Amino acid sequence: MESLTSAGAERAASTDQPRPHVVLLASPGAGHLIPLAELARRLVEHHGLTATLVTFTDLTSSPEAQSGVPASVATASLPSVQLHDLAPDTPMETVLFELVRRSLPHLRTLLSSAAHLAALVPDFFCSAALPLAAELGVPSYVFIPSNLTALAIMRRIVELHDGVPPGEHHDLPDPLELPGGVSLRRADLPCSFRSSKEPVYAHLIEEGRRYRHADGVLVNTFYEMEPAAVEKFRQAAGEGAFPPVFPVGPFVRSGAAEAGDSACLEWLDRQPTGSVVYVSFGSGGSLSVEQTAELAAGLEASGYRFLWVVRMPSMDGQEDEGEHGRGNPLAWLPEGFLERTRDKGLAVAAWAPQVRVLSHPATAAFVSHCGWNSTLESVSCGVPMVSWPLYAEQRMNAVVLEGSVGMALPVGPRARDGDGDVVVVSRGEIADALRELMEGPVKGRAVRRQAGDMQQAAAHAWAPEGSSRRALEEVAVAWKAWRGWRGEAVTDMSAIGNRR
């Protein structure tokens, strides 16, 4: 584990006074690391701070996500801790919380070596680190890589248990009504929130209670995307019921060229403007064998051009043998599909340069699992969505996107039954959803128009006078004031050029 004593010192050498230093702690997973790395970059390049992004050796994020950490941000990794005593069926959230808890001594050592420490920013799974900031007497802010709806659910579950005897747990209301007209049925909630009998439920309550002791909460969203929720949290902060909440997104990874980009982009270059349906279910998105076949048939029946990132299907108890055993997801596509669609479609195995695909003029629609990173990438590129949530918080995101945000249409009546279990979406439902999104004169047109409006709003949020830029500036100024720093606040040349 490297010392943080000199982290960022070289970057600060041009000033007489060392720059305040922010340490950000990312729990494992690309969905957590990518936006936190982008937050760190903006703190350095827009607000004149130095930043160190701390990760865990155990359950490390994908190499692709780690390689995306900007060069302007220092990195450190906490040493491995013992997790072998946990039962094999321990829920992943519980494993993450335990990983953080057992890593606290290492984190304490690392923070104690940090020169000019101005703030600790753990992400939402790492709130157990907040007391360390209190020990060191520095500000602490929780980072929420998801949306304000996720934070509202966490706040509600804590409030539901205020004054409740230890060990007694209550279910959230069904439906759960949240600001902005968001109404979540029990099946729409992230799995761990659906029942008070879930093993991780008590951990979530404890995690949320610690949020109340933070100096603030940074959220990967922007005002125009969730205005009612922003105002509700602003009111709560004014009443002292919750820490100040700062919408500081959208944080979207760079669309810089990467190895393996060329095939997808060269194919897109040959397609007409606004003609391609992009299909991807994220790094963890896995369809059943049957659903993979139905999706292929639905794409073919729709008649639209498509770029499909195909991942290995879930086996559902089947043995992965023979040609399928080679680990080639394209081998699971229906016989003759690739040949029949070669003039209109491109299927690629496992990965595509998503930001560059979504920003390409040929891309017209996105069939998505509604992970929040993918959602914000689609928003930032102005691409309307067909929502097809699979797991985690994706169902909740889909409800928000279809309803209050208004830039997604569901695939079929709903791709899950009342308990949230996956059911097969038919080829007809898939084709119908695509036709409505691509050409529909009512719902489709409204969603397409809203996608364009949200793209403009997302861009404006990070313009020099935008809501997210000003929110993060407010936080950065507070951190600098706490350190007594008087240096130049902005190092980004485009921002300097836009001053009046």
Protein backbone atom coordinates (compact mmCIF):
# COMPACT_ATOMS: atom_id res chain seq x y z
CA MET A 1 0.00 0.00 0.00
CA GLU A 2 1.53 3.28 -1.09
CA SER A 3 1.83 6.30 1.15
CA LEU A 4 -0.28 9.34 0.34
CA THR A 5 2.19 11.79 1.86
CA SER A 6 3.31 13.16 -1.47
CA ALA A 7 0.25 12.32 -3.57
CA GLY A 8 -0.37 15.19 -5.93
CA ALA A 9 2.60 17.18 -4.65
CA GLU A 10 4.23 17.31 -8.06
CA ARG A 11 1.04 18.70 -9.59
CA ALA A 12 0.94 21.38 -6.90
CA ALA A 13 4.56 22.41 -7.30
CA SER A 14 3.61 25.48 -9.31
CA THR A 15 1.79 27.04 -6.34
CA ASP A 16 3.30 28.40 -3.13
CA GLN A 17 0.73 26.59 -1.05
CA PRO A 18 0.08 22.81 -1.38
CA ARG A 19 -3.30 22.05 -2.86
CA PRO A 20 -5.98 20.48 -0.65
CA HIS A 21 -6.10 16.72 -1.08
CA VAL A 22 -9.30 14.66 -1.41
CA VAL A 23 -9.33 10.88 -0.94
CA LEU A 24 -12.13 8.98 -2.69
CA LEU A 25 -12.94 5.35 -1.82
CA ALA A 26 -14.55 3.17 -4.50
CA SER A 27 -16.25 -0.11 -3.70
CA PRO A 28 -15.64 -2.88 -6.26
CA GLY A 29 -17.47 -2.75 -9.58
CA ALA A 30 -17.20 -0.70 -12.74
CA GLY A 31 -20.49 1.04 -11.96
CA HIS A 32 -18.89 2.49 -8.84
CA LEU A 33 -15.32 3.07 -10.02
CA ILE A 34 -16.05 4.80 -13.34
CA PRO A 35 -18.17 7.71 -12.03
CA LEU A 36 -15.99 8.17 -8.93
CA ALA A 37 -12.90 8.39 -11.14
CA GLU A 38 -14.63 11.04 -13.25
CA LEU A 39 -15.59 12.96 -10.12
CA ALA A 40 -11.93 12.85 -9.02
CA ARG A 41 -10.81 14.12 -12.43
CA ARG A 42 -13.13 17.11 -12.27
CA LEU A 43 -12.02 17.97 -8.75
CA VAL A 44 -8.43 18.09 -10.04
CA GLU A 45 -8.89 19.68 -13.45
CA HIS A 46 -11.82 22.03 -12.77
CA HIS A 47 -11.41 22.91 -9.12
CA GLY A 48 -7.67 22.86 -8.47
CA LEU A 49 -7.60 20.07 -5.85
CA THR A 50 -5.46 16.96 -5.78
CA ALA A 51 -7.22 13.61 -5.57
CA THR A 52 -6.39 10.00 -4.79
CA LEU A 53 -8.77 7.21 -5.79
CA VAL A 54 -8.54 4.26 -3.39
CA THR A 55 -9.70 0.79 -4.41
CA PHE A 56 -9.76 -2.67 -2.85
CA THR A 57 -7.43 -5.49 -3.87
CA ASP A 58 -10.23 -7.98 -3.15
CA LEU A 59 -13.16 -8.13 -5.60
CA THR A 60 -11.33 -5.71 -7.82
CA SER A 61 -13.09 -3.96 -10.71
CA SER A 62 -12.51 -5.01 -14.29
CA PRO A 63 -9.17 -4.05 -15.90
CA GLU A 64 -11.11 -1.95 -18.42
CA ALA A 65 -12.64 0.13 -15.63
CA GLN A 66 -9.33 0.51 -13.80
CA SER A 67 -7.53 1.57 -16.96
CA GLY A 68 -10.04 4.41 -17.30
CA VAL A 69 -8.75 6.26 -14.22
CA PRO A 70 -7.46 9.64 -15.51
CA ALA A 71 -3.73 10.33 -15.35
CA SER A 72 -4.41 13.46 -13.29
CA VAL A 73 -5.76 11.30 -10.44
CA ALA A 74 -3.43 9.41 -8.08
CA THR A 75 -4.40 5.85 -7.13
CA ALA A 76 -3.85 3.54 -4.17
CA SER A 77 -5.07 0.02 -3.40
CA LEU A 78 -5.88 -1.33 0.05
CA PRO A 79 -4.22 -4.66 0.93
CA SER A 80 -6.15 -7.89 0.73
CA VAL A 81 -8.15 -9.03 3.76
CA GLN A 82 -9.39 -12.48 4.73
CA LEU A 83 -12.90 -13.26 3.46
CA HIS A 84 -12.68 -17.07 3.28
CA ASP A 85 -14.66 -17.49 6.51
CA LEU A 86 -17.81 -16.09 4.86
CA ALA A 87 -20.33 -18.70 3.76
CA PRO A 88 -20.41 -19.40 -0.02
CA ASP A 89 -24.03 -18.23 -0.23
CA THR A 90 -23.36 -14.90 1.51
CA PRO A 91 -25.15 -12.12 -0.44
CA MET A 92 -22.75 -9.97 -2.45
CA GLU A 93 -23.85 -6.80 -0.64
CA THR A 94 -22.96 -8.43 2.69
CA VAL A 95 -19.57 -9.45 1.30
CA LEU A 96 -18.94 -5.85 0.21
CA PHE A 97 -19.92 -4.42 3.59
CA GLU A 98 -17.67 -6.95 5.33
CA LEU A 99 -14.80 -6.19 2.96
CA VAL A 100 -15.06 -2.51 3.83
CA ARG A 101 -15.28 -3.19 7.56
CA ARG A 102 -12.24 -5.45 7.58
CA SER A 103 -10.26 -2.97 5.47
CA LEU A 104 -10.78 -0.03 7.85
CA PRO A 105 -7.43 -0.46 9.67
CA HIS A 106 -5.59 -0.30 6.34
CA LEU A 107 -7.61 2.74 5.29
CA ARG A 108 -6.89 4.45 8.62
CA THR A 109 -3.16 3.96 8.06
CA LEU A 110 -3.39 5.31 4.54
CA LEU A 111 -5.40 8.37 5.54
CA SER A 112 -3.05 9.13 8.41
CA SER A 113 -0.22 9.44 5.89
CA ALA A 114 -2.16 11.81 3.62
CA ALA A 115 -0.73 15.31 3.48
CA HIS A 116 -3.12 18.29 3.32
CA LEU A 117 -6.17 16.01 3.55
CA ALA A 118 -9.29 18.12 2.94
CA ALA A 119 -12.05 15.49 2.64
CA LEU A 120 -12.87 11.80 2.54
CA VAL A 121 -15.42 10.72 -0.08
CA PRO A 122 -16.48 7.06 0.20
CA ASP A 123 -19.09 5.70 -2.16
CA PHE A 124 -22.45 4.45 -0.91
CA PHE A 125 -21.30 0.92 -0.01
CA CYS A 126 -18.39 2.31 2.03
CA SER A 127 -20.12 4.49 4.62
CA ALA A 128 -18.39 2.47 7.36
CA ALA A 129 -15.35 4.63 6.52
CA LEU A 130 -17.10 7.87 7.55
CA PRO A 131 -16.06 7.62 11.24
CA LEU A 132 -12.41 7.66 10.12
CA ALA A 133 -12.95 11.17 8.76
CA ALA A 134 -14.39 12.18 12.12
CA GLU A 135 -11.31 10.70 13.85
CA LEU A 136 -9.04 12.79 11.65
CA GLY A 137 -11.24 15.86 11.90
CA VAL A 138 -11.83 16.23 8.17
CA PRO A 139 -15.09 16.64 6.22
CA SER A 140 -16.77 13.51 4.86
CA TYR A 141 -19.14 13.27 1.91
CA VAL A 142 -20.91 10.14 0.63
CA PHE A 143 -20.86 9.58 -3.13
CA ILE A 144 -23.96 7.99 -4.70
CA PRO A 145 -23.06 6.58 -8.15
CA SER A 146 -26.78 6.07 -8.85
CA ASN A 147 -29.67 8.54 -8.79
CA LEU A 148 -31.63 10.48 -6.19
CA THR A 149 -34.35 7.83 -6.27
CA ALA A 150 -31.84 5.34 -4.84
CA LEU A 151 -30.89 7.81 -2.12
CA ALA A 152 -34.56 8.49 -1.38
CA ILE A 153 -35.18 4.76 -0.86
CA MET A 154 -32.22 4.57 1.53
CA ARG A 155 -33.48 7.59 3.44
CA ARG A 156 -36.99 6.15 3.64
CA ILE A 157 -35.83 2.80 5.01
CA VAL A 158 -33.90 4.58 7.76
CA GLU A 159 -36.82 6.84 8.67
CA LEU A 160 -39.11 3.80 8.76
CA HIS A 161 -36.95 2.39 11.55
CA ASP A 162 -36.49 5.51 13.66
CA GLY A 163 -37.48 4.54 17.20
CA VAL A 164 -37.94 0.88 16.29
CA PRO A 165 -36.40 -1.58 18.79
CA PRO A 166 -33.10 -3.21 17.63
CA GLY A 167 -33.64 -6.32 15.56
CA GLU A 168 -37.19 -5.34 14.57
CA HIS A 169 -37.55 -4.64 10.86
CA HIS A 170 -40.45 -3.40 8.74
CA ASP A 171 -41.11 -3.64 5.00
CA LEU A 172 -41.22 -0.51 2.89
CA PRO A 173 -44.72 0.53 1.76
CA ASP A 174 -46.07 -1.10 -1.40
CA PRO A 175 -46.21 0.94 -3.54
CA LEU A 176 -43.47 3.30 -2.37
CA GLU A 177 -44.31 6.86 -3.41
CA LEU A 178 -41.31 9.14 -3.99
CA PRO A 179 -40.86 12.74 -5.23
CA GLY A 180 -41.53 13.48 -8.87
CA GLY A 181 -44.42 11.05 -9.14
CA VAL A 182 -42.13 8.01 -8.89
CA SER A 183 -44.24 5.08 -7.69
CA LEU A 184 -42.31 1.86 -7.06
CA ARG A 185 -44.03 -1.47 -6.59
CA ARG A 186 -42.22 -3.98 -4.43
CA ALA A 187 -40.93 -5.76 -7.54
CA ASP A 188 -39.45 -2.46 -8.76
CA LEU A 189 -37.22 -2.07 -5.70
CA PRO A 190 -33.62 -3.27 -5.69
CA CYS A 191 -33.73 -6.90 -4.50
CA SER A 192 -32.25 -6.23 -1.05
CA PHE A 193 -35.00 -3.69 -0.24
CA ARG A 194 -37.97 -5.88 -1.17
CA SER A 195 -38.31 -7.73 2.11
CA SER A 196 -37.30 -6.99 5.68
CA LYS A 197 -36.44 -10.68 5.92
CA GLU A 198 -33.58 -10.31 3.43
CA PRO A 199 -30.25 -11.01 5.20
CA VAL A 200 -28.76 -7.72 4.01
CA TYR A 201 -31.74 -5.56 5.05
CA ALA A 202 -30.30 -4.76 8.49
CA HIS A 203 -26.96 -3.82 6.89
CA LEU A 204 -28.75 -1.34 4.62
CA ILE A 205 -30.44 0.35 7.58
CA GLU A 206 -27.09 0.66 9.35
CA GLU A 207 -25.45 1.96 6.18
CA GLY A 208 -28.16 4.57 5.68
CA ARG A 209 -28.01 5.74 9.28
CA ARG A 210 -24.35 6.59 8.80
CA TYR A 211 -25.29 8.85 5.87
CA ARG A 212 -26.91 11.21 8.38
CA HIS A 213 -23.50 11.87 9.94
CA ALA A 214 -21.86 12.87 6.66
CA ASP A 215 -21.24 16.54 5.91
CA GLY A 216 -22.91 16.12 2.54
CA VAL A 217 -23.91 13.71 -0.23
CA LEU A 218 -22.71 13.92 -3.84
CA VAL A 219 -25.04 12.25 -6.35
CA ASN A 220 -24.37 11.21 -9.95
CA THR A 221 -27.39 12.99 -11.40
CA PHE A 222 -28.31 16.55 -12.36
CA TYR A 223 -31.08 18.95 -11.44
CA GLU A 224 -33.06 18.75 -14.67
CA MET A 225 -33.23 14.96 -14.49
CA GLU A 226 -34.79 14.76 -11.02
CA PRO A 227 -35.94 18.28 -10.07
CA ALA A 228 -38.64 17.24 -7.60
CA ALA A 229 -36.22 14.98 -5.72
CA VAL A 230 -33.58 17.73 -5.63
CA GLU A 231 -36.08 20.15 -4.08
CA LYS A 232 -37.26 17.54 -1.55
CA PHE A 233 -33.71 16.91 -0.35
CA ARG A 234 -33.02 20.65 -0.30
CA GLN A 235 -36.01 21.09 1.99
CA ALA A 236 -34.80 18.24 4.24
CA ALA A 237 -31.35 19.84 4.53
CA GLY A 238 -32.91 23.17 5.43
CA GLU A 239 -34.87 21.49 8.22
CA GLY A 240 -31.79 19.66 9.48
CA ALA A 241 -33.37 16.28 8.69
CA PHE A 242 -30.67 15.17 6.23
CA PRO A 243 -27.24 16.37 5.11
CA PRO A 244 -27.05 18.71 2.09
CA VAL A 245 -27.35 16.81 -1.19
CA PHE A 246 -25.43 17.97 -4.27
CA PRO A 247 -26.42 16.71 -7.74
CA VAL A 248 -23.03 16.85 -9.49
CA GLY A 249 -23.45 14.56 -12.52
CA PRO A 250 -23.67 13.29 -15.10
CA PHE A 251 -20.29 11.59 -14.86
CA VAL A 252 -19.68 9.79 -18.13
CA ARG A 253 -16.45 8.04 -19.05
CA SER A 254 -14.41 9.36 -21.93
CA GLY A 255 -15.21 8.29 -25.47
CA ALA A 256 -11.51 8.15 -26.34
CA ALA A 257 -10.38 5.50 -28.81
CA GLU A 258 -9.53 2.08 -27.39
CA ALA A 259 -8.12 -1.13 -28.78
CA GLY A 260 -10.82 -3.11 -30.56
CA ASP A 261 -12.93 -0.06 -31.45
CA SER A 262 -12.40 -0.17 -35.18
CA ALA A 263 -14.73 -2.99 -36.29
CA CYS A 264 -17.83 -1.51 -34.63
CA LEU A 265 -17.12 2.04 -35.67
CA GLU A 266 -16.19 1.19 -39.24
CA TRP A 267 -19.47 -0.72 -39.56
CA LEU A 268 -21.42 2.22 -38.08
CA ASP A 269 -19.69 4.58 -40.52
CA ARG A 270 -21.33 2.65 -43.38
CA GLN A 271 -24.87 2.95 -41.96
CA PRO A 272 -27.35 5.76 -42.64
CA THR A 273 -27.77 8.46 -40.03
CA GLY A 274 -30.26 7.56 -37.31
CA SER A 275 -30.83 4.00 -38.52
CA VAL A 276 -29.17 1.65 -35.98
CA VAL A 277 -30.56 0.04 -32.83
CA TYR A 278 -27.77 -0.55 -30.31
CA VAL A 279 -28.36 -3.52 -27.97
CA SER A 280 -26.30 -4.07 -24.83
CA PHE A 281 -27.08 -5.29 -21.32
CA GLY A 282 -23.94 -4.15 -19.52
CA SER A 283 -20.92 -6.02 -18.28
CA GLY A 284 -23.00 -8.26 -16.01
CA GLY A 285 -26.09 -8.59 -18.18
CA SER A 286 -26.86 -12.22 -19.04
CA LEU A 287 -29.98 -13.47 -20.79
CA SER A 288 -31.21 -17.05 -20.78
CA VAL A 289 -30.62 -19.23 -23.82
CA GLU A 290 -34.33 -19.00 -24.67
CA GLN A 291 -34.38 -15.20 -24.26
CA THR A 292 -31.28 -14.81 -26.42
CA ALA A 293 -33.07 -16.66 -29.22
CA GLU A 294 -36.21 -14.51 -28.82
CA LEU A 295 -34.17 -11.31 -28.90
CA ALA A 296 -32.46 -12.44 -32.10
CA ALA A 297 -35.83 -13.21 -33.66
CA GLY A 298 -37.25 -9.87 -32.51
CA LEU A 299 -34.38 -7.90 -34.00
CA GLU A 300 -34.72 -9.77 -37.27
CA ALA A 301 -38.51 -9.31 -37.35
CA SER A 302 -38.25 -5.57 -36.69
CA GLY A 303 -36.32 -5.03 -39.90
CA TYR A 304 -34.06 -2.37 -38.35
CA ARG A 305 -30.31 -2.24 -38.54
CA PHE A 306 -28.73 -3.30 -35.27
CA LEU A 307 -25.46 -3.51 -33.40
CA TRP A 308 -25.78 -6.18 -30.70
CA VAL A 309 -23.21 -6.81 -27.96
CA VAL A 310 -23.80 -10.51 -27.29
CA ARG A 311 -22.69 -11.99 -23.98
CA MET A 312 -22.65 -15.57 -22.81
CA PRO A 313 -26.16 -16.63 -21.80
CA SER A 314 -27.00 -17.91 -18.36
CA MET A 315 -27.00 -21.69 -18.54
CA ASP A 316 -30.12 -22.30 -16.44
CA GLY A 317 -28.67 -25.60 -15.36
CA GLN A 318 -27.51 -26.60 -18.85
CA GLU A 319 -24.00 -27.87 -19.39
CA ASP A 320 -21.78 -25.59 -21.46
CA GLU A 321 -20.18 -28.14 -23.73
CA GLY A 322 -19.09 -28.66 -27.32
CA GLU A 323 -18.74 -25.60 -29.51
CA HIS A 324 -20.52 -23.55 -26.82
CA GLY A 325 -17.83 -24.58 -24.38
CA ARG A 326 -15.32 -22.49 -26.28
CA GLY A 327 -16.77 -19.42 -24.54
CA ASN A 328 -17.98 -17.81 -27.76
CA PRO A 329 -21.34 -16.10 -27.11
CA LEU A 330 -22.06 -15.83 -30.84
CA ALA A 331 -22.27 -19.63 -30.95
CA TRP A 332 -25.51 -19.40 -28.96
CA LEU A 333 -27.33 -17.33 -31.58
CA PRO A 334 -30.02 -19.13 -33.61
CA GLU A 335 -28.79 -21.13 -36.56
CA GLY A 336 -28.57 -19.00 -39.69
CA PHE A 337 -29.25 -15.72 -37.84
CA LEU A 338 -25.90 -14.11 -38.60
CA GLU A 339 -26.10 -15.10 -42.24
CA ARG A 340 -29.67 -13.83 -42.68
CA THR A 341 -28.96 -10.47 -41.03
CA ARG A 342 -25.45 -9.78 -42.30
CA ASP A 343 -26.65 -6.94 -44.54
CA LYS A 344 -28.42 -5.15 -41.69
CA GLY A 345 -26.84 -6.20 -38.44
CA LEU A 346 -23.57 -6.66 -36.63
CA ALA A 347 -23.25 -8.94 -33.61
CA VAL A 348 -20.06 -8.60 -31.57
CA ALA A 349 -18.88 -10.75 -28.70
CA ALA A 350 -18.84 -9.37 -25.16
CA TRP A 351 -17.76 -5.75 -25.66
CA ALA A 352 -18.20 -2.57 -27.69
CA PRO A 353 -16.92 1.02 -27.18
CA GLN A 354 -20.28 2.10 -25.81
CA VAL A 355 -19.80 5.86 -25.50
CA ARG A 356 -18.46 6.07 -29.03
CA VAL A 357 -21.30 3.88 -30.31
CA LEU A 358 -23.97 5.98 -28.59
CA SER A 359 -22.44 9.23 -29.84
CA HIS A 360 -22.22 7.98 -33.45
CA PRO A 361 -24.64 9.68 -35.88
CA ALA A 362 -25.92 6.30 -37.10
CA THR A 363 -27.16 5.24 -33.65
CA ALA A 364 -30.85 5.95 -33.16
CA ALA A 365 -31.95 3.83 -30.18
CA PHE A 366 -30.53 1.88 -27.25
CA VAL A 367 -31.98 -1.38 -25.92
CA SER A 368 -30.55 -1.24 -22.41
CA HIS A 369 -30.57 -2.93 -19.02
CA CYS A 370 -30.82 0.58 -17.50
CA GLY A 371 -27.68 0.44 -15.40
CA TRP A 372 -27.05 4.01 -14.27
CA ASN A 373 -23.72 4.41 -16.07
CA SER A 374 -25.31 3.27 -19.34
CA THR A 375 -28.33 5.46 -18.67
CA LEU A 376 -26.25 8.60 -18.25
CA GLU A 377 -24.21 7.74 -21.35
CA SER A 378 -27.46 7.46 -23.31
CA VAL A 379 -28.74 10.72 -21.83
CA SER A 380 -25.50 12.53 -22.64
CA CYS A 381 -25.65 11.32 -26.24
CA GLY A 382 -29.37 12.02 -26.67
CA VAL A 383 -30.28 8.43 -27.53
CA PRO A 384 -33.80 7.25 -26.56
CA MET A 385 -34.06 3.88 -24.86
CA VAL A 386 -35.99 0.65 -24.76
CA SER A 387 -35.80 -0.29 -21.09
CA TRP A 388 -35.07 -3.94 -20.31
CA PRO A 389 -33.92 -4.17 -16.66
CA LEU A 390 -32.33 -7.38 -15.44
CA TYR A 391 -31.16 -7.07 -11.82
CA ALA A 392 -29.93 -4.83 -8.96
CA GLU A 393 -31.37 -1.30 -9.17
CA GLN A 394 -32.14 -1.52 -12.89
CA ARG A 395 -35.89 -2.03 -12.49
CA MET A 396 -36.06 1.12 -10.36
CA ASN A 397 -34.06 3.05 -12.96
CA ALA A 398 -36.41 1.84 -15.68
CA VAL A 399 -39.45 3.16 -13.80
CA VAL A 400 -37.76 6.57 -13.48
CA LEU A 401 -36.74 6.64 -17.15
CA GLU A 402 -40.16 5.58 -18.42
CA GLY A 403 -42.05 7.91 -16.10
CA SER A 404 -40.66 11.14 -14.68
CA VAL A 405 -37.71 11.42 -17.09
CA GLY A 406 -39.73 10.21 -20.09
CA MET A 407 -36.94 9.04 -22.40
CA ALA A 408 -37.56 5.26 -22.40
CA LEU A 409 -40.24 2.83 -23.47
CA PRO A 410 -40.62 -0.58 -21.79
CA VAL A 411 -40.14 -3.75 -23.78
CA GLY A 412 -43.50 -5.50 -23.59
CA PRO A 413 -45.92 -4.86 -20.72
CA ARG A 414 -43.07 -5.58 -18.31
CA ALA A 415 -40.17 -7.99 -18.55
CA ARG A 416 -40.79 -9.38 -15.06
CA ASP A 417 -43.61 -10.92 -13.12
CA GLY A 418 -45.06 -9.50 -9.92
CA ASP A 419 -42.22 -10.84 -7.78
CA GLY A 420 -39.56 -9.30 -9.97
CA ASP A 421 -38.53 -12.63 -11.47
CA VAL A 422 -37.46 -12.63 -15.08
CA VAL A 423 -39.93 -13.89 -17.65
CA VAL A 424 -39.27 -14.34 -21.35
CA VAL A 425 -40.06 -11.34 -23.55
CA SER A 426 -41.45 -12.51 -26.89
CA ARG A 427 -40.03 -11.62 -30.28
CA GLY A 428 -43.26 -9.81 -31.10
CA GLU A 429 -43.02 -7.59 -28.03
CA ILE A 430 -39.41 -6.78 -28.88
CA ALA A 431 -40.20 -5.87 -32.48
CA ASP A 432 -43.21 -3.77 -31.41
CA ALA A 433 -41.15 -1.81 -28.87
CA LEU A 434 -38.49 -1.06 -31.48
CA ARG A 435 -41.04 0.08 -34.05
CA GLU A 436 -42.70 2.39 -31.52
CA LEU A 437 -39.41 3.92 -30.40
CA MET A 438 -38.00 4.33 -33.90
CA GLU A 439 -41.12 5.54 -35.74
CA GLY A 440 -44.06 5.82 -33.33
CA PRO A 441 -46.03 9.05 -33.93
CA VAL A 442 -47.17 9.48 -30.30
CA LYS A 443 -45.25 7.69 -27.53
CA GLY A 444 -42.18 7.14 -29.66
CA ARG A 445 -42.07 10.73 -30.85
CA ALA A 446 -42.41 12.04 -27.29
CA VAL A 447 -39.58 9.83 -26.06
CA ARG A 448 -37.33 10.79 -28.98
CA ARG A 449 -37.97 14.49 -28.36
CA GLN A 450 -37.36 14.12 -24.63
CA ALA A 451 -34.04 12.34 -25.27
CA GLY A 452 -32.88 15.37 -27.23
CA ASP A 453 -34.06 17.75 -24.51
CA MET A 454 -32.28 15.74 -21.81
CA GLN A 455 -29.07 15.72 -23.84
CA GLN A 456 -29.11 19.52 -23.90
CA ALA A 457 -29.89 19.67 -20.18
CA ALA A 458 -27.04 17.26 -19.36
CA ALA A 459 -24.58 19.35 -21.37
CA HIS A 460 -25.76 22.55 -19.71
CA ALA A 461 -25.43 21.02 -16.22
CA TRP A 462 -21.66 20.97 -16.66
CA ALA A 463 -21.35 24.24 -18.57
CA PRO A 464 -19.48 26.97 -16.59
CA GLU A 465 -22.74 28.26 -15.08
CA GLY A 466 -24.56 24.91 -15.02
CA SER A 467 -26.25 23.43 -11.97
CA SER A 468 -23.82 20.53 -11.46
CA ARG A 469 -20.73 22.66 -12.06
CA ARG A 470 -21.92 25.18 -9.47
CA ALA A 471 -22.87 22.44 -6.98
CA LEU A 472 -19.43 20.85 -7.12
CA GLU A 473 -17.80 24.28 -6.96
CA GLU A 474 -19.72 24.95 -3.73
CA VAL A 475 -18.36 21.74 -2.22
CA ALA A 476 -14.80 22.35 -3.47
CA VAL A 477 -14.80 25.88 -2.08
CA ALA A 478 -15.89 24.54 1.31
CA TRP A 479 -13.05 21.99 1.30
CA LYS A 480 -10.51 24.66 0.34
CA ALA A 481 -11.80 26.99 3.03
CA TRP A 482 -11.49 24.21 5.59
CA ARG A 483 -7.81 23.84 4.63
CA GLY A 484 -7.38 27.63 4.53
CA TRP A 485 -6.34 27.43 0.86
CA ARG A 486 -6.32 30.63 -1.18
CA GLY A 487 -5.13 29.30 -4.56
CA GLU A 488 -6.69 29.55 -8.00
CA ALA A 489 -9.97 27.62 -8.10
CA VAL A 490 -10.14 26.70 -11.77
CA THR A 491 -7.44 25.15 -13.92
CA ASP A 492 -9.63 24.09 -16.84
CA MET A 493 -8.78 26.36 -19.76
CA SER A 494 -12.23 26.23 -21.34
CA ALA A 495 -13.76 27.47 -18.08
CA ILE A 496 -11.26 30.29 -17.83
CA GLY A 497 -12.05 31.29 -21.40
CA ASN A 498 -15.77 31.53 -20.57
CA ARG A 499 -15.36 33.90 -17.63
CA ARG A 500 -17.03 37.28 -17.85
